[in-house]
Each structure stands twice: as C-alpha cells, then as structure tokens.
C-alpha cells in the first residue's frame, strides 16, 4: 500500500515477519499440548488389592471443561475372567468405551473424547485366586481444541496448530523465505509431540512431519534439523516391519500378499522421508563446506598476493 506522500506504507505486511509470527504460534500450541499435567489434575480410581471376589459397584470421573481425558492403567492390573471393568460415556453403561479383564496386556491406555466417563466393576469369582485388581489414573487434555470463544485468547489448541501448519506447508511455502517453516523449531516441536505418550491425533502430526521432510532443500543449510531425533522411531519401524513380514510367511516360505496397517505405513513413509532428507542435507552441507573452503583458499591467496605486492613496493 502507498502512503499519502507516495512512499510505502510502514504498516505493509512483511511476509518474513508474518511467517515468523505464525510459526511461533504453531510451535507454542504443540508445546503446550504436551506440557506435563499438574499432579493436582490427576484423578485415581482403584479396587482393593486383591479385590473382593464377589462385587458390583460404579463410579464417575469428571473434569469440567476438558476436551478429552487420557486414561492410563497400572501395569500390575490383573483380574480373573469373571471380573470385568467397564468404562462408558453414560451412566447406564450403554455407550461403552471399553471392557477390561485378564492379564496386564488387556489394560491398554485409552483416550476419552469427553469431560467425564463412568466406570463399573463386576466380579463373580468362585475362588480366592482372582488377581491384583485394577488401578487407573485420568488426566485432562485441555489443549485439544477450542470449544468457546474466550478460550482462543489464553488456551492452546492442537487442532488449530495442525491446521495452521498444514496451511503453511500447502499454501504459503512459495511465498515465504527459505527456513520460515522448514526449520529446527518446527521440526523439534513436531518430534516432541510425536514422542509424547498418550497424546491424541498422532497420525496428523506424523503426516505433517513427513511433508516437512519431503522438502529438505527448504531447510537452511547452516542450521539443519536434528534428524537423529527420529533414529529410535526408525529402528522401531524396522522391527515392526520385520515382525509383520515374518508373520505373513506362508508354509512354503513365500511372503503373503498382505498390507501393513495404515499406522505402520505412515511411519514407514516418515522413515523414508527422514532418510532422504538426511542424505540431501548431508550433501548440501558438503557442498557448503567445499564452497567455504574454496572461498577461504581464494581469500588466503588474495592476501598472499597483496602481501607480496606490498613487499615489492617497499623495495
């Protein structure tokens, strides 16, 4: 825009500054979404240990204003087959979230998309050998999405962060300077979220991280992302793929034509993108080092010539 005296308007939008503000906003939301929960915001529910062989009781867990609840079970959880812990969204236990019974592997963490849920524990074990019982903690997720207008000013939103980064990667990359979105800050925020336990929507973060790494040339050569942070994930993906392949072997030794799960496929794509980005960035750094060495050699030669010229003039 032009001002009254014909010059540029000082309030004109600076794309570099705008991108920096948007990236800072995006990273803040990702970091806040993985911020450790205050211990005072954790509710504990458990049976006796061991529990009564014959019992039937109910309870409720509620966090006013939470957009979702994260439920973690104690690794010691164990019940008899005739003992069942049920989680549901309604008091009548019709909208069931999950039923848990048996050994510790049956008690998997769960994400509840509500600010409350009900639980019921039923047991009708005839003998005394019925197990340790159950114990679970519930933590609120307050930064999943905005539900009210007043939350926009002071609370984080994972949904907004994902949308914003998706917009920057899809629509604004060509209009922004190199390194505006593809930088250490964004990469580290995404990896931190992906490596956090029990957080929702990891598939969206994996997809965003994969797209970020598919354009390694947009990362500043002088400040590459710490790709080594994904090395542990790459090893885990490799192990899972090998396990899946062994499980698909036919008696004759040939691999069965069965696809990997969508989750594992997404992680494979991320690993491939990370490996390609690593090679591309390493090559760019070698080129940069070679150019820097050549420039240093040229400067040294120039200085030597200048010193020689001065000596000749002095003689």
Protein backbone atom coordinates (compact mmCIF):
# COMPACT_ATOMS: atom_id res chain seq x y z
CA UNK A 1 0.00 0.00 0.00
CA UNK A 2 1.13 3.58 -0.66
CA UNK A 3 1.09 6.40 1.88
CA UNK A 4 -0.09 9.96 1.26
CA UNK A 5 3.40 11.17 0.31
CA UNK A 6 3.84 8.42 -2.28
CA UNK A 7 6.07 6.18 -0.15
CA UNK A 8 5.43 2.65 1.05
CA UNK A 9 3.09 2.29 3.97
CA UNK A 10 5.01 1.39 7.14
CA UNK A 11 2.14 -0.90 8.10
CA UNK A 12 2.53 -3.04 4.99
CA UNK A 13 2.70 -6.74 5.77
CA UNK A 14 6.20 -8.19 5.84
CA UNK A 15 5.94 -11.85 4.70
CA UNK A 16 9.05 -12.85 6.64
CA UNK A 17 7.77 -11.28 9.87
CA UNK A 18 4.27 -12.72 9.38
CA UNK A 19 5.65 -16.23 8.79
CA UNK A 20 7.78 -15.95 11.91
CA UNK A 21 4.74 -15.00 13.99
CA UNK A 22 2.67 -17.85 12.55
CA UNK A 23 5.45 -20.40 13.13
CA UNK A 24 5.90 -19.20 16.72
CA UNK A 25 2.14 -19.51 17.23
CA UNK A 26 2.12 -23.03 15.77
CA UNK A 27 5.07 -24.25 17.88
CA UNK A 28 3.60 -22.76 21.06
CA UNK A 29 0.41 -24.75 20.63
CA UNK A 30 2.30 -28.01 20.02
CA UNK A 31 4.49 -27.46 23.09
CA UNK A 32 1.54 -26.53 25.31
CA UNK A 33 -0.36 -29.62 24.13
CA UNK A 34 2.40 -31.85 25.52
CA UNK A 35 3.01 -29.87 28.69
CA UNK A 36 3.08 -32.18 31.75
CA UNK A 37 -0.22 -32.25 33.61
CA UNK A 38 -0.33 -30.74 37.07
CA UNK A 39 -0.43 -33.57 39.63
CA UNK A 40 -3.46 -31.88 41.17
CA UNK A 41 -5.30 -32.50 37.88
CA UNK A 42 -5.00 -36.28 38.10
CA UNK A 43 -7.77 -38.49 39.46
CA UNK A 44 -7.11 -42.01 40.70
CA UNK A 45 -9.57 -44.90 40.81
CA UNK A 46 -8.71 -48.39 42.03
CA UNK A 47 -10.03 -51.59 43.55
CA UNK A 48 -8.80 -53.25 46.69
CA UNK A 49 -5.63 -55.31 46.18
CA UNK A 50 -6.58 -58.06 45.95
CA UNK A 51 -10.20 -57.19 45.29
CA UNK A 52 -13.30 -58.87 46.69
CA UNK A 53 -14.14 -61.95 44.57
CA UNK A 54 -17.83 -61.00 44.51
CA UNK A 55 -18.65 -57.32 44.00
CA UNK A 56 -20.51 -54.87 41.77
CA UNK A 57 -20.05 -51.11 42.11
CA UNK A 58 -19.88 -47.96 39.97
CA UNK A 59 -18.20 -44.58 39.89
CA UNK A 60 -17.63 -41.48 37.78
CA UNK A 61 -14.60 -39.44 36.67
CA UNK A 62 -15.19 -35.82 35.65
CA UNK A 63 -13.01 -32.85 34.67
CA UNK A 64 -15.09 -29.76 34.00
CA UNK A 65 -14.06 -28.04 30.74
CA UNK A 66 -11.70 -30.74 29.45
CA UNK A 67 -11.93 -31.54 25.73
CA UNK A 68 -10.67 -35.09 26.26
CA UNK A 69 -9.43 -37.40 29.03
CA UNK A 70 -6.38 -39.63 28.99
CA UNK A 71 -6.71 -42.89 30.95
CA UNK A 72 -3.61 -44.89 31.98
CA UNK A 73 -3.72 -48.27 33.72
CA UNK A 74 -1.26 -49.53 36.30
CA UNK A 75 0.99 -52.27 34.82
CA UNK A 76 0.03 -54.53 37.75
CA UNK A 77 -3.63 -54.69 36.68
CA UNK A 78 -4.86 -58.27 36.61
CA UNK A 79 -8.29 -59.85 37.12
CA UNK A 80 -9.98 -63.18 36.67
CA UNK A 81 -12.07 -63.80 33.55
CA UNK A 82 -15.24 -63.45 35.61
CA UNK A 83 -14.19 -59.93 36.69
CA UNK A 84 -14.75 -57.04 34.27
CA UNK A 85 -14.04 -53.31 34.47
CA UNK A 86 -16.27 -51.34 32.08
CA UNK A 87 -15.81 -47.70 31.04
CA UNK A 88 -18.73 -45.89 29.40
CA UNK A 89 -19.84 -42.39 28.45
CA UNK A 90 -23.28 -42.70 30.04
CA UNK A 91 -24.47 -43.65 33.48
CA UNK A 92 -26.50 -46.60 32.15
CA UNK A 93 -23.31 -48.06 30.60
CA UNK A 94 -24.81 -48.30 27.12
CA UNK A 95 -22.19 -46.21 25.27
CA UNK A 96 -19.23 -48.40 26.17
CA UNK A 97 -15.68 -47.07 25.82
CA UNK A 98 -14.01 -50.35 26.68
CA UNK A 99 -14.12 -53.52 28.77
CA UNK A 100 -11.03 -54.71 30.62
CA UNK A 101 -10.33 -58.11 32.10
CA UNK A 102 -7.48 -60.60 32.36
CA UNK A 103 -3.72 -60.02 32.37
CA UNK A 104 -1.91 -56.61 32.25
CA UNK A 105 -1.73 -56.62 28.43
CA UNK A 106 -5.54 -56.28 28.32
CA UNK A 107 -5.48 -52.98 30.18
CA UNK A 108 -4.48 -50.61 27.39
CA UNK A 109 -4.46 -46.80 27.73
CA UNK A 110 -7.45 -45.07 26.21
CA UNK A 111 -8.42 -41.56 25.12
CA UNK A 112 -11.95 -40.46 26.05
CA UNK A 113 -13.38 -37.64 23.92
CA UNK A 114 -15.48 -36.12 26.69
CA UNK A 115 -15.01 -34.34 30.00
CA UNK A 116 -16.37 -37.27 32.01
CA UNK A 117 -16.99 -41.01 31.94
CA UNK A 118 -18.47 -43.72 34.17
CA UNK A 119 -16.94 -46.98 35.29
CA UNK A 120 -18.35 -50.20 36.70
CA UNK A 121 -16.52 -53.16 38.22
CA UNK A 122 -18.27 -56.52 38.36
CA UNK A 123 -16.82 -59.73 39.76
CA UNK A 124 -18.26 -63.18 40.46
CA UNK A 125 -15.18 -65.30 41.11
CA UNK A 126 -15.92 -68.54 42.97
CA UNK A 127 -12.45 -69.00 44.47
CA UNK A 128 -9.79 -66.84 46.09
CA UNK A 129 -7.23 -66.79 43.24
CA UNK A 130 -8.64 -63.83 41.31
CA UNK A 131 -5.75 -61.36 40.83
CA UNK A 132 -4.44 -57.99 41.92
CA UNK A 133 -7.35 -55.88 40.68
CA UNK A 134 -7.35 -52.61 38.76
CA UNK A 135 -5.94 -49.13 39.18
CA UNK A 136 -6.12 -46.26 36.67
CA UNK A 137 -5.33 -42.57 36.56
CA UNK A 138 -7.18 -39.99 34.48
CA UNK A 139 -5.67 -36.73 33.23
CA UNK A 140 -7.48 -33.95 31.34
CA UNK A 141 -6.44 -32.74 27.91
CA UNK A 142 -7.23 -29.03 27.91
CA UNK A 143 -5.41 -28.10 24.70
CA UNK A 144 -7.04 -30.36 22.15
CA UNK A 145 -9.42 -27.86 20.58
CA UNK A 146 -11.24 -24.62 21.34
CA UNK A 147 -14.85 -25.05 22.40
CA UNK A 148 -15.59 -21.45 23.45
CA UNK A 149 -14.53 -18.07 22.05
CA UNK A 150 -12.88 -17.00 25.31
CA UNK A 151 -10.51 -19.98 25.10
CA UNK A 152 -8.88 -18.58 21.96
CA UNK A 153 -7.04 -15.83 23.84
CA UNK A 154 -5.32 -17.91 26.51
CA UNK A 155 -5.52 -21.65 25.80
CA UNK A 156 -3.70 -23.88 23.32
CA UNK A 157 -5.38 -25.88 20.57
CA UNK A 158 -3.76 -28.85 18.88
CA UNK A 159 -6.43 -28.71 16.18
CA UNK A 160 -5.51 -25.09 15.36
CA UNK A 161 -1.78 -25.89 15.34
CA UNK A 162 -2.28 -28.74 12.85
CA UNK A 163 -4.48 -26.62 10.60
CA UNK A 164 -2.03 -23.71 10.69
CA UNK A 165 0.99 -25.85 9.85
CA UNK A 166 -0.95 -27.61 7.10
CA UNK A 167 -1.80 -24.20 5.62
CA UNK A 168 1.81 -23.02 5.79
CA UNK A 169 3.09 -26.21 4.13
CA UNK A 170 0.43 -26.34 1.40
CA UNK A 171 -0.46 -22.76 0.58
CA UNK A 172 2.24 -20.40 1.78
CA UNK A 173 5.60 -22.14 1.22
CA UNK A 174 6.26 -20.50 -2.15
CA UNK A 175 5.58 -17.03 -0.74
CA UNK A 176 7.79 -17.40 2.33
CA UNK A 177 11.57 -17.15 2.66
CA UNK A 178 13.64 -20.29 2.96
CA UNK A 179 13.63 -21.62 6.50
CA UNK A 180 10.44 -19.80 7.51
CA UNK A 181 8.55 -23.06 8.09
CA UNK A 182 11.29 -25.65 7.44
CA UNK A 183 13.45 -25.01 10.46
CA UNK A 184 14.76 -26.56 13.64
CA UNK A 185 11.98 -25.08 15.80
CA UNK A 186 9.08 -26.58 13.83
CA UNK A 187 10.81 -29.95 13.37
CA UNK A 188 11.64 -30.27 17.07
CA UNK A 189 8.10 -29.29 18.15
CA UNK A 190 6.56 -31.97 15.92
CA UNK A 191 9.01 -34.66 17.07
CA UNK A 192 8.45 -33.77 20.70
CA UNK A 193 4.71 -34.15 20.28
CA UNK A 194 5.02 -37.43 18.37
CA UNK A 195 7.26 -38.93 21.07
CA UNK A 196 4.93 -37.93 23.90
CA UNK A 197 2.95 -40.78 25.37
CA UNK A 198 -0.83 -40.94 25.38
CA UNK A 199 -1.49 -37.86 23.23
CA UNK A 200 -4.19 -37.90 20.51
CA UNK A 201 -4.05 -37.27 16.77
CA UNK A 202 -0.51 -38.54 16.31
CA UNK A 203 -1.40 -39.63 12.78
CA UNK A 204 -1.89 -35.97 11.83
CA UNK A 205 1.46 -34.98 13.32
CA UNK A 206 3.20 -37.88 11.53
CA UNK A 207 1.69 -36.73 8.22
CA UNK A 208 2.79 -33.12 8.82
CA UNK A 209 6.30 -34.20 9.79
CA UNK A 210 6.56 -36.38 6.68
CA UNK A 211 5.53 -33.47 4.42
CA UNK A 212 8.02 -31.20 6.17
CA UNK A 213 10.87 -33.64 5.45
CA UNK A 214 9.85 -34.16 1.84
CA UNK A 215 11.32 -30.72 1.02
CA UNK A 216 14.75 -30.86 2.68
CA UNK A 217 16.07 -28.17 0.32
CA UNK A 218 13.92 -25.61 2.19
CA UNK A 219 15.82 -26.12 5.46
CA UNK A 220 18.67 -23.59 5.98
CA UNK A 221 21.96 -25.30 5.19
CA UNK A 222 23.63 -23.54 8.12
CA UNK A 223 21.03 -24.75 10.65
CA UNK A 224 19.82 -28.26 9.69
CA UNK A 225 17.15 -30.06 11.75
CA UNK A 226 18.31 -32.69 14.28
CA UNK A 227 17.19 -35.69 12.23
CA UNK A 228 18.81 -38.02 14.73
CA UNK A 229 15.79 -37.49 16.99
CA UNK A 230 13.91 -39.90 14.71
CA UNK A 231 16.53 -42.66 14.80
CA UNK A 232 14.74 -44.53 17.60
CA UNK A 233 11.46 -44.42 15.67
CA UNK A 234 13.22 -45.72 12.55
CA UNK A 235 14.58 -48.71 14.50
CA UNK A 236 11.14 -49.45 15.93
CA UNK A 237 9.52 -49.25 12.48
CA UNK A 238 12.12 -51.61 11.07
CA UNK A 239 11.46 -54.15 13.84
CA UNK A 240 7.70 -53.95 13.36
CA UNK A 241 8.03 -54.40 9.60
CA UNK A 242 10.26 -57.44 10.09
CA UNK A 243 7.78 -58.89 12.56
CA UNK A 244 4.89 -58.26 10.18
CA UNK A 245 6.83 -59.84 7.31
CA UNK A 246 7.64 -62.94 9.34
CA UNK A 247 4.00 -63.22 10.31
CA UNK A 248 2.99 -63.17 6.63
CA UNK A 249 5.26 -66.05 5.59
CA UNK A 250 3.40 -68.97 4.03
CA UNK A 251 4.37 -72.57 4.82
CA UNK A 252 6.32 -72.67 1.55
CA UNK A 253 8.44 -69.69 2.58
CA UNK A 254 6.87 -67.08 0.30
CA UNK A 255 5.57 -63.83 1.76
CA UNK A 256 1.82 -63.49 1.83
CA UNK A 257 0.32 -60.52 -0.04
CA UNK A 258 -0.96 -58.63 2.98
CA UNK A 259 -0.71 -54.92 3.54
CA UNK A 260 0.79 -53.28 6.59
CA UNK A 261 -1.53 -51.40 8.91
CA UNK A 262 -2.23 -47.74 7.97
CA UNK A 263 -0.39 -46.59 11.11
CA UNK A 264 2.73 -48.61 10.23
CA UNK A 265 2.57 -47.48 6.59
CA UNK A 266 2.55 -43.84 7.72
CA UNK A 267 5.59 -44.46 9.93
CA UNK A 268 7.38 -46.19 7.04
CA UNK A 269 6.74 -43.13 4.85
CA UNK A 270 8.11 -40.90 7.62
CA UNK A 271 11.25 -43.06 7.94
CA UNK A 272 11.83 -42.97 4.17
CA UNK A 273 11.37 -39.19 4.09
CA UNK A 274 13.76 -38.83 7.03
CA UNK A 275 16.43 -40.96 5.32
CA UNK A 276 16.15 -39.00 2.07
CA UNK A 277 16.25 -35.70 3.91
CA UNK A 278 19.34 -36.85 5.81
CA UNK A 279 21.17 -37.65 2.57
CA UNK A 280 20.06 -34.42 0.92
CA UNK A 281 21.06 -32.24 3.88
CA UNK A 282 24.40 -34.05 4.22
CA UNK A 283 25.11 -33.40 0.55
CA UNK A 284 24.13 -29.74 0.92
CA UNK A 285 26.44 -29.40 3.92
CA UNK A 286 29.33 -30.98 1.99
CA UNK A 287 28.71 -28.55 -0.85
CA UNK A 288 28.59 -25.68 1.63
CA UNK A 289 31.82 -26.84 3.27
CA UNK A 290 33.53 -27.18 -0.10
CA UNK A 291 32.41 -23.72 -1.13
CA UNK A 292 33.55 -22.29 2.21
CA UNK A 293 36.94 -23.99 1.85
CA UNK A 294 37.31 -22.69 -1.69
CA UNK A 295 36.39 -19.18 -0.56
CA UNK A 296 38.89 -19.38 2.31
CA UNK A 297 41.62 -20.59 -0.06
CA UNK A 298 40.85 -17.81 -2.52
CA UNK A 299 40.97 -15.24 0.27
CA UNK A 300 44.28 -16.61 1.54
CA UNK A 301 45.73 -16.49 -1.97
CA UNK A 302 44.50 -12.94 -2.39
CA UNK A 303 46.05 -11.91 0.92
CA UNK A 304 49.32 -13.55 -0.07
CA UNK A 305 49.34 -11.68 -3.36
CA UNK A 306 48.59 -8.43 -1.57
CA UNK A 307 51.44 -9.03 0.89
CA UNK A 308 53.80 -9.80 -1.96
CA UNK A 309 52.76 -6.62 -3.78
CA UNK A 310 53.39 -4.56 -0.66
CA UNK A 311 56.87 -6.06 -0.26
CA UNK A 312 57.71 -5.24 -3.85
CA UNK A 313 56.55 -1.68 -3.39
CA UNK A 314 58.59 -1.35 -0.20
CA UNK A 315 61.75 -2.46 -2.02
